[in-house]
Amino acid sequence: MPTARRLAHEFLHRRGLTTIFGNPGSNELPFLAELPQDFRYVLGLHEGAVVGMADGYAQVTGRPVLVNLHAAAGSGNAMGALTNAVYSRSPLVLTAGQQVRSAIGMEAMLANVDATQLMRPLVAWSGEPSCAEDVPRSLAQAVFEAELHRRPSYLSVPYDDWAVELGANAAVTLDRSVQRGLTPSGAQLEDLAESVAGAENPALVLGGDLDALGLFDRAVALAEHLGLPTWVAPSPHRLPFPNRHPLFRGVLPAGIAPISDALTGHDLVLVLGAPVFRYHQHVPGAYLPEGTRLVQITDDFGAAARAPMGEALVADPAPVIEALLAKVPARTTKPGYVPNPEPKTGEHALHPEQVFAALRDTQPDDTRYVVESTSTNSAWWRQMDLRREGSYFFPAAGGLGFGLPAAVGVAMGSPDRPVVGVIGDGSANYGVTALWSAAHYRVPVTFVILRNGVYGALRWFGELLGTPDVPGTEIPGLDFAAIAAGYGVPATTVGDVDDLRAQLKTTPDGPRLLQVDTEPTAPE
């Protein structure tokens, strides 16, 4: 009779979950034993980096990814990175080894006490098999829950379960399938089309979910068909629209009053694939301008339920876009893309705009950028010209430590496109062990570290909150070229913009790191 381990491996194989990101401990070894040859285990040196790599991999492939964590301690190490995966709606299947069943109640060393509660409320579902016979079904549920909710799930398995031989009923799980379908009714689509067609001055707000769902090009087609001014929803983790397009009006600010100000004059705001809204800095005011109607289209039940205003239609955005293209008359759109302004220059070091202009001018048009430098956001959007789907990835919850590991995961998941990680020196420290994984697996990714010696976003918030004199905002003395070399990644400290451009024009066959000194800036 097959063991629980063999059935689990077979189920994962049939579902295509053959790449495992992990950092194993003793409790996990029985699951990893006898791993089939077509499985790939990607080792990370810290669980935060493990989840960050898996998050990037899941986002770029659009598929669930298995993550192997060590008991409660390893799960705890992963939770910071998990917040980003939750808000990027990445279907991660987190598994953790549990002590043997007879030792859990005694709280033996490495027992995961009350394991099903540990990762809540972050995960969509968490569980622990009631017995060894329940392991295959529980694993299948963890995978299906992650797929259906588009959110991480968590499964803790006592390690003595894996070697138990199971009967025929346990194998029935291998043939299961679960599908998701959220197609709006014909009446709902007609009502929406009439509202858009009848609006005097409608506007479009697009969210990162459109890019994640492969709808980037269709969103562009919709905006051009309707001729609508188009914003990207606040704090985007993905870019759903070309940022130099003539209809692009920018990324909406992340405050209540500034969003209301930006949307003033529009009688209808159609929000596709985004929460309403992910506010950040607290700037109170009216949620919407007087006389503005907001309609949200999302397949995220939670995002629809918790919005403070407007109407929501819970549906897959794809059929909604196609219906609007078919049912709403076309309007005129200006052709041509908006040129980039000349980059600002720094007095004592390079201005971030100079760095981003160099990336724009030297990197291929299909480059994927993983960005974790909050204080340079304004400079980024002024200089970059991103016209392809899957070009931009940002920590969805704002949790630091995403950039370096996610860039590794993105590059592993899409070897057909170049990948550049643009990381601030403050953020880089949180996921720095990902450099070892990049070197060990020879992942072709370029890391550009912007070194300014301060937590720029924190200083900006200090000014915003009226607390400019707080300690802990300076981080001098970091040498990422030396750190990278220690992990096995070739690294260079860039001297000036000509040197930077020359370095970026080369194409290495593995990872590399460029350290660039930049002047501190702040978001605008």
Protein backbone atom coordinates (compact mmCIF):
# COMPACT_ATOMS: atom_id res chain seq x y z
CA MET A 1 0.00 0.00 0.00
CA PRO A 2 1.28 3.54 -0.73
CA THR A 3 2.48 5.76 2.08
CA ALA A 4 1.07 9.22 2.81
CA ARG A 5 4.35 10.64 1.48
CA ARG A 6 4.06 8.82 -1.84
CA LEU A 7 0.46 9.93 -2.35
CA ALA A 8 1.35 13.51 -1.44
CA HIS A 9 4.21 13.56 -3.94
CA GLU A 10 1.96 12.08 -6.63
CA PHE A 11 -0.77 14.66 -5.97
CA LEU A 12 1.73 17.52 -6.15
CA HIS A 13 3.16 16.09 -9.37
CA ARG A 14 -0.28 15.92 -11.02
CA ARG A 15 -1.03 19.52 -10.00
CA GLY A 16 2.33 20.80 -11.31
CA LEU A 17 3.66 21.79 -7.88
CA THR A 18 7.09 20.31 -8.47
CA THR A 19 9.17 23.37 -7.47
CA ILE A 20 9.47 23.66 -3.70
CA PHE A 21 10.91 26.70 -1.94
CA GLY A 22 12.08 25.93 1.55
CA ASN A 23 14.44 25.92 4.49
CA PRO A 24 14.03 22.52 6.12
CA GLY A 25 14.39 21.38 9.70
CA SER A 26 14.18 17.99 11.35
CA ASN A 27 10.37 17.85 11.26
CA GLU A 28 10.34 18.34 7.48
CA LEU A 29 12.85 15.69 6.49
CA PRO A 30 10.36 12.78 6.36
CA PHE A 31 8.26 14.68 3.78
CA LEU A 32 11.30 15.50 1.66
CA ALA A 33 12.61 11.93 1.67
CA GLU A 34 12.22 10.00 -1.60
CA LEU A 35 11.38 13.21 -3.46
CA PRO A 36 10.85 12.33 -7.15
CA GLN A 37 13.65 13.29 -9.54
CA ASP A 38 11.49 15.77 -11.48
CA PHE A 39 10.95 17.87 -8.32
CA ARG A 40 13.18 20.90 -7.71
CA TYR A 41 13.96 22.03 -4.18
CA VAL A 42 15.06 25.70 -3.99
CA LEU A 43 16.90 26.35 -0.76
CA GLY A 44 16.71 29.73 0.96
CA LEU A 45 18.81 30.60 4.00
CA HIS A 46 15.98 32.33 5.88
CA GLU A 47 12.25 31.70 5.75
CA GLY A 48 11.51 35.33 4.91
CA ALA A 49 13.63 34.99 1.77
CA VAL A 50 12.01 31.62 1.05
CA VAL A 51 8.51 33.12 1.02
CA GLY A 52 9.71 36.17 -0.94
CA MET A 53 11.19 33.95 -3.65
CA ALA A 54 8.03 31.85 -3.77
CA ASP A 55 5.88 35.00 -3.93
CA GLY A 56 7.80 36.29 -6.95
CA TYR A 57 7.69 32.87 -8.60
CA ALA A 58 3.93 32.52 -8.06
CA GLN A 59 3.20 36.01 -9.34
CA VAL A 60 5.14 35.55 -12.56
CA THR A 61 3.90 32.01 -13.30
CA GLY A 62 0.32 32.55 -12.10
CA ARG A 63 0.38 29.11 -10.46
CA PRO A 64 0.33 27.82 -6.87
CA VAL A 65 3.75 27.21 -5.33
CA LEU A 66 4.69 24.90 -2.48
CA VAL A 67 6.66 26.38 0.43
CA ASN A 68 8.30 24.15 3.05
CA LEU A 69 8.79 25.77 6.48
CA HIS A 70 10.22 24.47 9.74
CA ALA A 71 7.61 24.05 12.47
CA ALA A 72 6.50 27.10 14.47
CA ALA A 73 9.82 28.94 14.49
CA GLY A 74 10.28 28.78 10.73
CA SER A 75 6.65 29.73 10.18
CA GLY A 76 7.15 32.72 12.44
CA ASN A 77 10.22 33.79 10.49
CA ALA A 78 8.14 33.69 7.32
CA MET A 79 5.23 35.81 8.54
CA GLY A 80 6.67 39.20 7.65
CA ALA A 81 7.12 38.15 4.02
CA LEU A 82 3.75 36.44 4.12
CA THR A 83 1.97 39.79 4.51
CA ASN A 84 3.16 40.80 1.04
CA ALA A 85 2.01 37.49 -0.47
CA VAL A 86 -1.43 37.97 1.09
CA TYR A 87 -1.98 41.36 -0.55
CA SER A 88 -0.45 40.34 -3.86
CA ARG A 89 -2.96 37.46 -3.73
CA SER A 90 -0.27 34.88 -4.38
CA PRO A 91 -1.52 31.28 -4.08
CA LEU A 92 1.27 29.97 -1.86
CA VAL A 93 0.77 26.56 -0.25
CA LEU A 94 2.71 26.73 3.00
CA THR A 95 3.56 23.40 4.64
CA ALA A 96 5.26 22.98 8.00
CA GLY A 97 6.54 19.94 9.81
CA GLN A 98 4.91 19.14 13.14
CA GLN A 99 6.24 17.01 15.99
CA VAL A 100 5.11 13.36 16.17
CA ARG A 101 1.50 13.12 17.29
CA SER A 102 2.26 11.61 20.68
CA ALA A 103 4.54 14.56 21.60
CA ILE A 104 2.39 17.53 20.52
CA GLY A 105 0.27 17.69 23.66
CA MET A 106 3.34 17.61 25.89
CA GLU A 107 4.76 20.57 23.96
CA ALA A 108 7.95 18.71 23.13
CA MET A 109 10.74 20.65 21.48
CA LEU A 110 9.64 21.79 17.98
CA ALA A 111 5.98 21.08 18.64
CA ASN A 112 3.79 23.59 16.81
CA VAL A 113 1.28 24.35 19.56
CA ASP A 114 -2.20 25.11 18.21
CA ALA A 115 -0.75 25.00 14.70
CA THR A 116 -3.94 25.89 12.85
CA GLN A 117 -4.07 29.28 14.59
CA LEU A 118 -0.44 30.30 14.14
CA MET A 119 -0.71 31.90 10.70
CA ARG A 120 -4.19 33.35 11.10
CA PRO A 121 -5.57 35.79 10.11
CA LEU A 122 -3.05 36.06 7.26
CA VAL A 123 -3.81 32.83 5.44
CA ALA A 124 -7.09 32.00 3.75
CA TRP A 125 -7.13 28.55 5.35
CA SER A 126 -5.01 26.60 7.79
CA GLY A 127 -5.28 23.03 8.93
CA GLU A 128 -3.67 19.95 10.39
CA PRO A 129 -4.74 16.42 9.39
CA SER A 130 -6.88 14.66 11.97
CA CYS A 131 -4.94 11.45 11.32
CA ALA A 132 -2.42 10.05 8.86
CA GLU A 133 -5.22 8.84 6.58
CA ASP A 134 -6.33 12.47 6.25
CA VAL A 135 -2.94 13.76 4.98
CA PRO A 136 -3.60 13.50 1.20
CA ARG A 137 -7.06 15.10 1.50
CA SER A 138 -5.71 17.90 3.73
CA LEU A 139 -2.89 18.64 1.31
CA ALA A 140 -5.37 18.76 -1.55
CA GLN A 141 -7.56 21.16 0.42
CA ALA A 142 -4.58 23.43 1.09
CA VAL A 143 -3.86 23.60 -2.65
CA PHE A 144 -7.49 24.17 -3.64
CA GLU A 145 -8.02 26.81 -0.94
CA ALA A 146 -4.98 28.75 -2.19
CA GLU A 147 -6.22 28.54 -5.78
CA LEU A 148 -9.84 29.48 -5.02
CA HIS A 149 -9.06 32.38 -2.68
CA ARG A 150 -5.89 33.45 -4.50
CA ARG A 151 -4.28 33.72 -1.11
CA PRO A 152 -1.76 31.64 0.87
CA SER A 153 -2.89 28.56 2.78
CA TYR A 154 -1.12 26.69 5.58
CA LEU A 155 -0.86 23.00 6.47
CA SER A 156 0.94 21.54 9.47
CA VAL A 157 1.67 17.78 9.25
CA PRO A 158 3.02 15.59 12.11
CA TYR A 159 6.16 14.05 10.69
CA ASP A 160 5.32 10.49 11.74
CA ASP A 161 2.30 10.60 9.38
CA TRP A 162 4.39 10.54 6.21
CA ALA A 163 5.54 6.92 6.50
CA VAL A 164 2.08 5.51 7.31
CA GLU A 165 0.68 3.17 4.67
CA LEU A 166 -2.81 4.19 3.54
CA GLY A 167 -5.78 2.38 2.04
CA ALA A 168 -7.56 2.83 -1.27
CA ASN A 169 -9.79 5.72 -0.09
CA ALA A 170 -6.80 7.99 0.45
CA ALA A 171 -5.77 7.62 -3.20
CA VAL A 172 -9.14 8.90 -4.47
CA THR A 173 -7.90 12.44 -3.73
CA LEU A 174 -5.40 12.16 -6.58
CA ASP A 175 -8.15 12.51 -9.18
CA ARG A 176 -9.87 15.56 -7.69
CA SER A 177 -10.18 18.91 -9.44
CA VAL A 178 -11.69 22.20 -8.28
CA GLN A 179 -12.42 25.08 -10.64
CA ARG A 180 -13.25 28.72 -10.06
CA GLY A 181 -15.80 30.62 -12.16
CA LEU A 182 -17.23 34.09 -11.49
CA THR A 183 -19.05 35.14 -14.64
CA PRO A 184 -21.50 38.05 -14.21
CA SER A 185 -25.05 37.75 -15.52
CA GLY A 186 -26.19 39.29 -18.77
CA ALA A 187 -28.37 41.76 -16.87
CA GLN A 188 -25.46 42.88 -14.71
CA LEU A 189 -23.29 43.47 -17.76
CA GLU A 190 -26.07 45.40 -19.54
CA ASP A 191 -26.58 47.66 -16.51
CA LEU A 192 -22.88 48.36 -16.25
CA ALA A 193 -22.52 49.09 -19.97
CA GLU A 194 -25.46 51.50 -19.82
CA SER A 195 -23.92 53.29 -16.83
CA VAL A 196 -20.57 53.73 -18.60
CA ALA A 197 -22.16 54.79 -21.89
CA GLY A 198 -24.46 57.25 -20.14
CA ALA A 199 -21.81 58.92 -17.98
CA GLU A 200 -20.80 62.45 -18.99
CA ASN A 201 -17.22 62.30 -17.69
CA PRO A 202 -16.26 58.78 -16.60
CA ALA A 203 -12.81 57.74 -15.39
CA LEU A 204 -11.02 54.41 -15.06
CA VAL A 205 -9.00 53.17 -12.09
CA LEU A 206 -7.07 49.93 -12.64
CA GLY A 207 -5.53 47.62 -10.06
CA GLY A 208 -2.66 45.17 -10.01
CA ASP A 209 -5.03 42.20 -10.18
CA LEU A 210 -5.50 42.91 -13.90
CA ASP A 211 -1.82 42.32 -14.56
CA ALA A 212 -1.83 39.24 -12.34
CA LEU A 213 -4.77 37.83 -14.30
CA GLY A 214 -3.09 38.41 -17.67
CA LEU A 215 -5.41 41.29 -18.61
CA PHE A 216 -2.83 44.05 -19.16
CA ASP A 217 -3.40 44.28 -22.93
CA ARG A 218 -7.17 44.02 -22.61
CA ALA A 219 -7.18 46.83 -20.03
CA VAL A 220 -5.26 49.02 -22.48
CA ALA A 221 -7.73 48.13 -25.21
CA LEU A 222 -10.64 49.09 -22.93
CA ALA A 223 -9.15 52.44 -21.94
CA GLU A 224 -8.41 53.27 -25.58
CA HIS A 225 -11.85 52.11 -26.74
CA LEU A 226 -13.60 54.27 -24.15
CA GLY A 227 -11.06 57.11 -24.35
CA LEU A 228 -11.03 57.39 -20.57
CA PRO A 229 -8.47 59.08 -18.32
CA THR A 230 -6.89 56.18 -16.47
CA TRP A 231 -5.31 56.01 -13.05
CA VAL A 232 -3.61 53.14 -11.29
CA ALA A 233 -5.00 52.38 -7.84
CA PRO A 234 -2.89 53.52 -4.85
CA SER A 235 0.24 51.64 -3.78
CA PRO A 236 0.25 49.25 -6.75
CA HIS A 237 2.10 45.95 -6.43
CA ARG A 238 1.74 45.37 -10.20
CA LEU A 239 1.38 47.80 -13.13
CA PRO A 240 -1.86 47.23 -15.11
CA PHE A 241 -1.37 50.05 -17.65
CA PRO A 242 1.56 51.63 -19.58
CA ASN A 243 2.83 54.55 -17.53
CA ARG A 244 3.72 56.73 -20.57
CA HIS A 245 0.39 56.18 -22.33
CA PRO A 246 -1.42 59.44 -23.21
CA LEU A 247 -4.45 58.32 -21.16
CA PHE A 248 -2.37 57.56 -18.07
CA ARG A 249 -2.96 60.06 -15.28
CA GLY A 250 -0.61 58.53 -12.72
CA VAL A 251 -0.81 56.45 -9.59
CA LEU A 252 -3.52 57.68 -7.27
CA PRO A 253 -2.17 59.07 -3.98
CA ALA A 254 -2.74 56.85 -0.94
CA GLY A 255 -4.78 59.29 1.16
CA ILE A 256 -8.55 59.77 1.37
CA ALA A 257 -8.66 63.50 0.58
CA PRO A 258 -6.04 63.41 -2.22
CA ILE A 259 -7.90 60.61 -4.01
CA SER A 260 -11.14 62.56 -3.78
CA ASP A 261 -9.37 65.64 -5.14
CA ALA A 262 -7.89 63.66 -8.04
CA LEU A 263 -11.30 62.28 -9.06
CA THR A 264 -13.13 65.60 -8.85
CA GLY A 265 -15.20 66.33 -11.94
CA HIS A 266 -15.88 62.68 -12.85
CA ASP A 267 -19.47 61.53 -12.48
CA LEU A 268 -18.55 57.83 -12.76
CA VAL A 269 -15.38 56.09 -11.57
CA LEU A 270 -15.01 52.48 -12.74
CA VAL A 271 -12.52 50.53 -10.63
CA LEU A 272 -11.28 47.27 -12.14
CA GLY A 273 -9.22 44.70 -10.25
CA ALA A 274 -8.37 46.80 -7.19
CA PRO A 275 -9.51 47.37 -3.60
CA VAL A 276 -11.34 50.63 -2.91
CA PHE A 277 -8.83 51.84 -1.80
CA ARG A 278 -5.52 50.82 -0.14
CA TYR A 279 -5.00 54.01 1.86
CA HIS A 280 -1.65 54.61 3.56
CA GLN A 281 -0.94 58.04 5.03
CA HIS A 282 -4.01 59.31 6.90
CA VAL A 283 -5.25 62.44 5.15
CA PRO A 284 -8.96 62.63 6.06
CA GLY A 285 -11.67 64.01 3.85
CA ALA A 286 -14.66 62.95 1.79
CA TYR A 287 -14.22 59.49 0.25
CA LEU A 288 -15.53 60.74 -3.09
CA PRO A 289 -16.31 64.11 -4.62
CA GLU A 290 -19.90 65.28 -4.50
CA GLY A 291 -21.90 63.74 -7.34
CA THR A 292 -19.37 60.99 -8.13
CA ARG A 293 -20.57 57.40 -8.44
CA LEU A 294 -18.03 54.60 -7.98
CA VAL A 295 -18.44 51.06 -9.30
CA GLN A 296 -15.91 48.41 -8.34
CA ILE A 297 -15.35 45.18 -10.30
CA THR A 298 -13.30 42.61 -8.39
CA ASP A 299 -13.14 38.86 -7.88
CA ASP A 300 -11.90 39.44 -4.32
CA PHE A 301 -14.87 38.92 -1.99
CA GLY A 302 -13.10 40.58 0.94
CA ALA A 303 -12.15 43.67 -1.04
CA ALA A 304 -15.75 44.09 -2.19
CA ALA A 305 -17.19 43.63 1.30
CA ARG A 306 -14.88 45.98 3.22
CA ALA A 307 -14.95 49.00 0.87
CA PRO A 308 -16.37 52.07 2.65
CA MET A 309 -18.26 53.48 -0.35
CA GLY A 310 -19.53 52.78 -3.83
CA GLU A 311 -21.08 49.77 -5.51
CA ALA A 312 -19.33 46.46 -6.09
CA LEU A 313 -19.80 43.64 -8.56
CA VAL A 314 -17.96 40.49 -7.52
CA ALA A 315 -16.90 38.96 -10.81
CA ASP A 316 -13.95 37.96 -12.92
CA PRO A 317 -12.83 41.22 -14.59
CA ALA A 318 -12.18 39.50 -17.95
CA PRO A 319 -15.81 39.07 -19.10
CA VAL A 320 -16.62 42.55 -17.81
CA ILE A 321 -13.88 44.08 -19.96
CA GLU A 322 -15.03 42.13 -23.01
CA ALA A 323 -18.65 43.16 -22.47
CA LEU A 324 -17.74 46.85 -22.21
CA LEU A 325 -15.66 46.60 -25.37
CA ALA A 326 -18.62 45.07 -27.20
CA LYS A 327 -21.49 47.10 -25.75
CA VAL A 328 -20.18 50.65 -25.20
CA PRO A 329 -19.60 52.85 -28.28
CA ALA A 330 -15.98 53.76 -28.96
CA ARG A 331 -14.60 57.22 -28.24
CA THR A 332 -11.60 58.98 -29.76
CA THR A 333 -8.14 58.43 -28.24
CA LYS A 334 -4.98 60.43 -28.87
CA PRO A 335 -2.20 58.30 -30.39
CA GLY A 336 1.42 58.31 -29.29
CA TYR A 337 3.23 57.93 -25.99
CA VAL A 338 4.30 60.74 -23.67
CA PRO A 339 8.08 61.38 -23.68
CA ASN A 340 10.07 61.21 -20.47
CA PRO A 341 11.38 64.44 -18.92
CA GLU A 342 15.09 65.01 -18.53
CA PRO A 343 16.28 63.33 -15.33
CA LYS A 344 17.13 65.46 -12.34
CA THR A 345 20.81 65.47 -11.39
CA GLY A 346 22.32 65.15 -7.94
CA GLU A 347 24.89 67.45 -6.36
CA HIS A 348 26.86 64.96 -4.28
CA ALA A 349 25.73 61.63 -5.75
CA LEU A 350 23.50 60.40 -8.55
CA HIS A 351 19.86 61.41 -8.39
CA PRO A 352 17.59 58.32 -8.50
CA GLU A 353 16.10 59.71 -11.72
CA GLN A 354 19.51 59.35 -13.35
CA VAL A 355 19.61 55.70 -12.32
CA PHE A 356 16.11 55.02 -13.62
CA ALA A 357 16.77 56.85 -16.89
CA ALA A 358 19.85 54.66 -17.36
CA LEU A 359 17.79 51.52 -16.77
CA ARG A 360 15.13 52.72 -19.21
CA ASP A 361 17.68 53.46 -21.92
CA THR A 362 19.84 50.34 -21.56
CA GLN A 363 17.51 47.48 -20.61
CA PRO A 364 15.33 45.54 -23.07
CA ASP A 365 11.70 46.61 -23.37
CA ASP A 366 10.47 43.32 -21.89
CA THR A 367 12.52 43.61 -18.69
CA ARG A 368 10.73 42.68 -15.48
CA TYR A 369 11.50 45.08 -12.62
CA VAL A 370 11.18 44.09 -8.97
CA VAL A 371 11.23 47.34 -7.02
CA GLU A 372 11.65 47.94 -3.30
CA SER A 373 12.63 51.57 -2.85
CA THR A 374 9.68 53.50 -1.47
CA SER A 375 11.35 56.88 -1.16
CA THR A 376 12.15 56.97 -4.90
CA ASN A 377 8.64 56.16 -6.19
CA SER A 378 8.07 59.60 -7.68
CA ALA A 379 11.39 59.50 -9.51
CA TRP A 380 10.60 55.99 -10.75
CA TRP A 381 7.31 56.91 -12.41
CA ARG A 382 8.77 60.07 -13.96
CA GLN A 383 11.57 58.21 -15.72
CA MET A 384 10.43 54.67 -16.51
CA ASP A 385 8.58 53.64 -19.65
CA LEU A 386 6.84 50.31 -19.01
CA ARG A 387 4.59 49.03 -21.80
CA ARG A 388 4.53 45.26 -21.26
CA GLU A 389 2.52 43.01 -18.97
CA GLY A 390 4.38 41.67 -15.95
CA SER A 391 6.93 44.49 -15.95
CA TYR A 392 6.58 45.72 -12.35
CA PHE A 393 6.49 44.01 -8.95
CA PHE A 394 6.40 45.80 -5.59
CA PRO A 395 5.80 44.58 -1.99
CA ALA A 396 2.01 44.54 -1.83
CA ALA A 397 1.78 45.07 1.94
CA GLY A 398 4.78 47.40 2.18
CA GLY A 399 6.70 44.83 4.22
CA LEU A 400 10.46 45.11 3.73
CA GLY A 401 12.47 42.13 2.53
CA PHE A 402 10.52 41.46 -0.66
CA GLY A 403 12.82 42.89 -3.31
CA LEU A 404 15.93 40.70 -3.36
CA PRO A 405 14.20 37.31 -2.92
CA ALA A 406 11.25 38.18 -5.16
CA ALA A 407 13.65 39.15 -7.95
CA VAL A 408 15.22 35.69 -7.64
CA GLY A 409 11.80 34.04 -7.75
CA VAL A 410 10.63 36.12 -10.70
CA ALA A 411 13.79 35.26 -12.65
CA MET A 412 13.41 31.56 -11.86
CA GLY A 413 9.78 31.61 -12.96
CA SER A 414 10.36 33.52 -16.22
CA PRO A 415 13.79 32.70 -17.66
CA ASP A 416 12.67 34.08 -21.04
CA ARG A 417 12.69 37.73 -19.85
CA PRO A 418 15.43 39.84 -18.20
CA VAL A 419 14.91 40.66 -14.51
CA VAL A 420 16.26 43.66 -12.61
CA GLY A 421 15.82 44.20 -8.89
CA VAL A 422 15.88 47.87 -7.85
CA ILE A 423 16.37 47.86 -4.09
CA GLY A 424 17.04 50.53 -1.49
CA ASP A 425 19.91 49.99 0.93
CA GLY A 426 17.51 49.93 3.86
CA SER A 427 15.22 47.35 2.29
CA ALA A 428 18.03 45.12 1.03
CA ASN A 429 19.10 44.08 4.53
CA TYR A 430 15.80 42.34 5.20
CA GLY A 431 16.19 39.81 2.38
CA VAL A 432 19.94 39.80 1.84
CA THR A 433 20.30 36.02 2.18
CA ALA A 434 18.54 35.69 -1.19
CA LEU A 435 21.89 36.60 -2.72
CA TRP A 436 23.18 33.14 -1.78
CA SER A 437 20.25 31.47 -3.55
CA ALA A 438 20.85 33.63 -6.63
CA ALA A 439 24.50 32.61 -6.69
CA HIS A 440 23.92 28.95 -5.87
CA TYR A 441 21.35 28.46 -8.62
CA ARG A 442 23.07 30.90 -11.03
CA VAL A 443 19.91 32.93 -11.48
CA PRO A 444 20.35 35.57 -14.23
CA VAL A 445 19.20 38.65 -12.33
CA THR A 446 20.70 42.14 -11.97
CA PHE A 447 20.43 43.75 -8.54
CA VAL A 448 20.75 47.54 -8.45
CA ILE A 449 21.22 48.74 -4.88
CA LEU A 450 20.46 52.42 -4.30
CA ARG A 451 22.69 53.41 -1.37
CA ASN A 452 21.85 56.71 0.30
CA GLY A 453 22.58 55.81 3.92
CA VAL A 454 19.11 56.65 5.26
CA TYR A 455 15.61 55.28 5.57
CA GLY A 456 14.23 57.86 3.14
CA ALA A 457 10.56 56.90 3.43
CA LEU A 458 10.80 57.01 7.23
CA ARG A 459 12.24 60.51 7.13
CA TRP A 460 9.42 61.58 4.82
CA PHE A 461 6.84 60.18 7.21
CA GLY A 462 8.57 61.95 10.08
CA GLU A 463 7.94 65.25 8.32
CA LEU A 464 4.37 64.24 7.46
CA LEU A 465 3.59 63.30 11.07
CA GLY A 466 5.38 66.28 12.58
CA THR A 467 8.09 64.09 14.17
CA PRO A 468 11.26 64.95 12.23
CA ASP A 469 13.70 64.39 15.12
CA VAL A 470 13.24 60.65 15.79
CA PRO A 471 16.29 58.34 16.00
CA GLY A 472 17.01 55.31 13.84
CA THR A 473 16.69 56.80 10.36
CA GLU A 474 20.37 56.68 9.36
CA ILE A 475 22.18 53.52 8.20
CA PRO A 476 25.73 54.51 7.20
CA GLY A 477 28.63 52.16 6.53
CA LEU A 478 26.91 49.50 4.42
CA ASP A 479 28.94 47.95 1.60
CA PHE A 480 26.68 45.73 -0.48
CA ALA A 481 29.41 45.02 -3.01
CA ALA A 482 31.40 43.32 -0.26
CA ILE A 483 28.32 41.59 1.13
CA ALA A 484 27.35 40.28 -2.29
CA ALA A 485 30.84 38.96 -2.91
CA GLY A 486 30.61 37.08 0.36
CA TYR A 487 27.47 35.34 -0.86
CA GLY A 488 29.07 34.55 -4.22
CA VAL A 489 27.46 37.26 -6.37
CA PRO A 490 29.82 39.34 -8.55
CA ALA A 491 29.45 42.97 -7.53
CA THR A 492 30.59 46.41 -8.63
CA THR A 493 30.45 49.84 -7.00
CA VAL A 494 29.41 52.33 -9.67
CA GLY A 495 31.20 55.67 -9.79
CA ASP A 496 29.13 57.89 -12.09
CA VAL A 497 26.28 57.77 -14.59
CA ASP A 498 28.54 56.86 -17.53
CA ASP A 499 29.97 53.97 -15.55
CA LEU A 500 26.45 52.89 -14.60
CA ARG A 501 25.26 52.89 -18.20
CA ALA A 502 28.33 50.98 -19.32
CA GLN A 503 27.76 48.34 -16.63
CA LEU A 504 24.06 48.00 -17.47
CA LYS A 505 24.81 47.39 -21.15
CA THR A 506 26.67 44.19 -20.33
CA THR A 507 24.72 40.93 -20.09
CA PRO A 508 26.05 38.44 -17.52
CA ASP A 509 25.04 34.78 -17.52
CA GLY A 510 24.32 34.73 -13.78
CA PRO A 511 23.51 37.14 -10.96
CA ARG A 512 25.32 40.44 -10.48
CA LEU A 513 24.98 43.40 -8.14
CA LEU A 514 25.59 47.08 -8.88
CA GLN A 515 25.89 49.39 -5.88
CA VAL A 516 25.02 52.99 -6.77
CA ASP A 517 25.36 55.90 -4.37
CA THR A 518 22.30 58.15 -4.68
CA GLU A 519 21.04 61.30 -3.05
CA PRO A 520 18.19 60.90 -0.55
CA THR A 521 14.77 61.71 -1.98
CA ALA A 522 11.20 61.50 -0.75
CA PRO A 523 7.89 60.45 -2.31
CA GLU A 524 5.73 63.28 -3.59
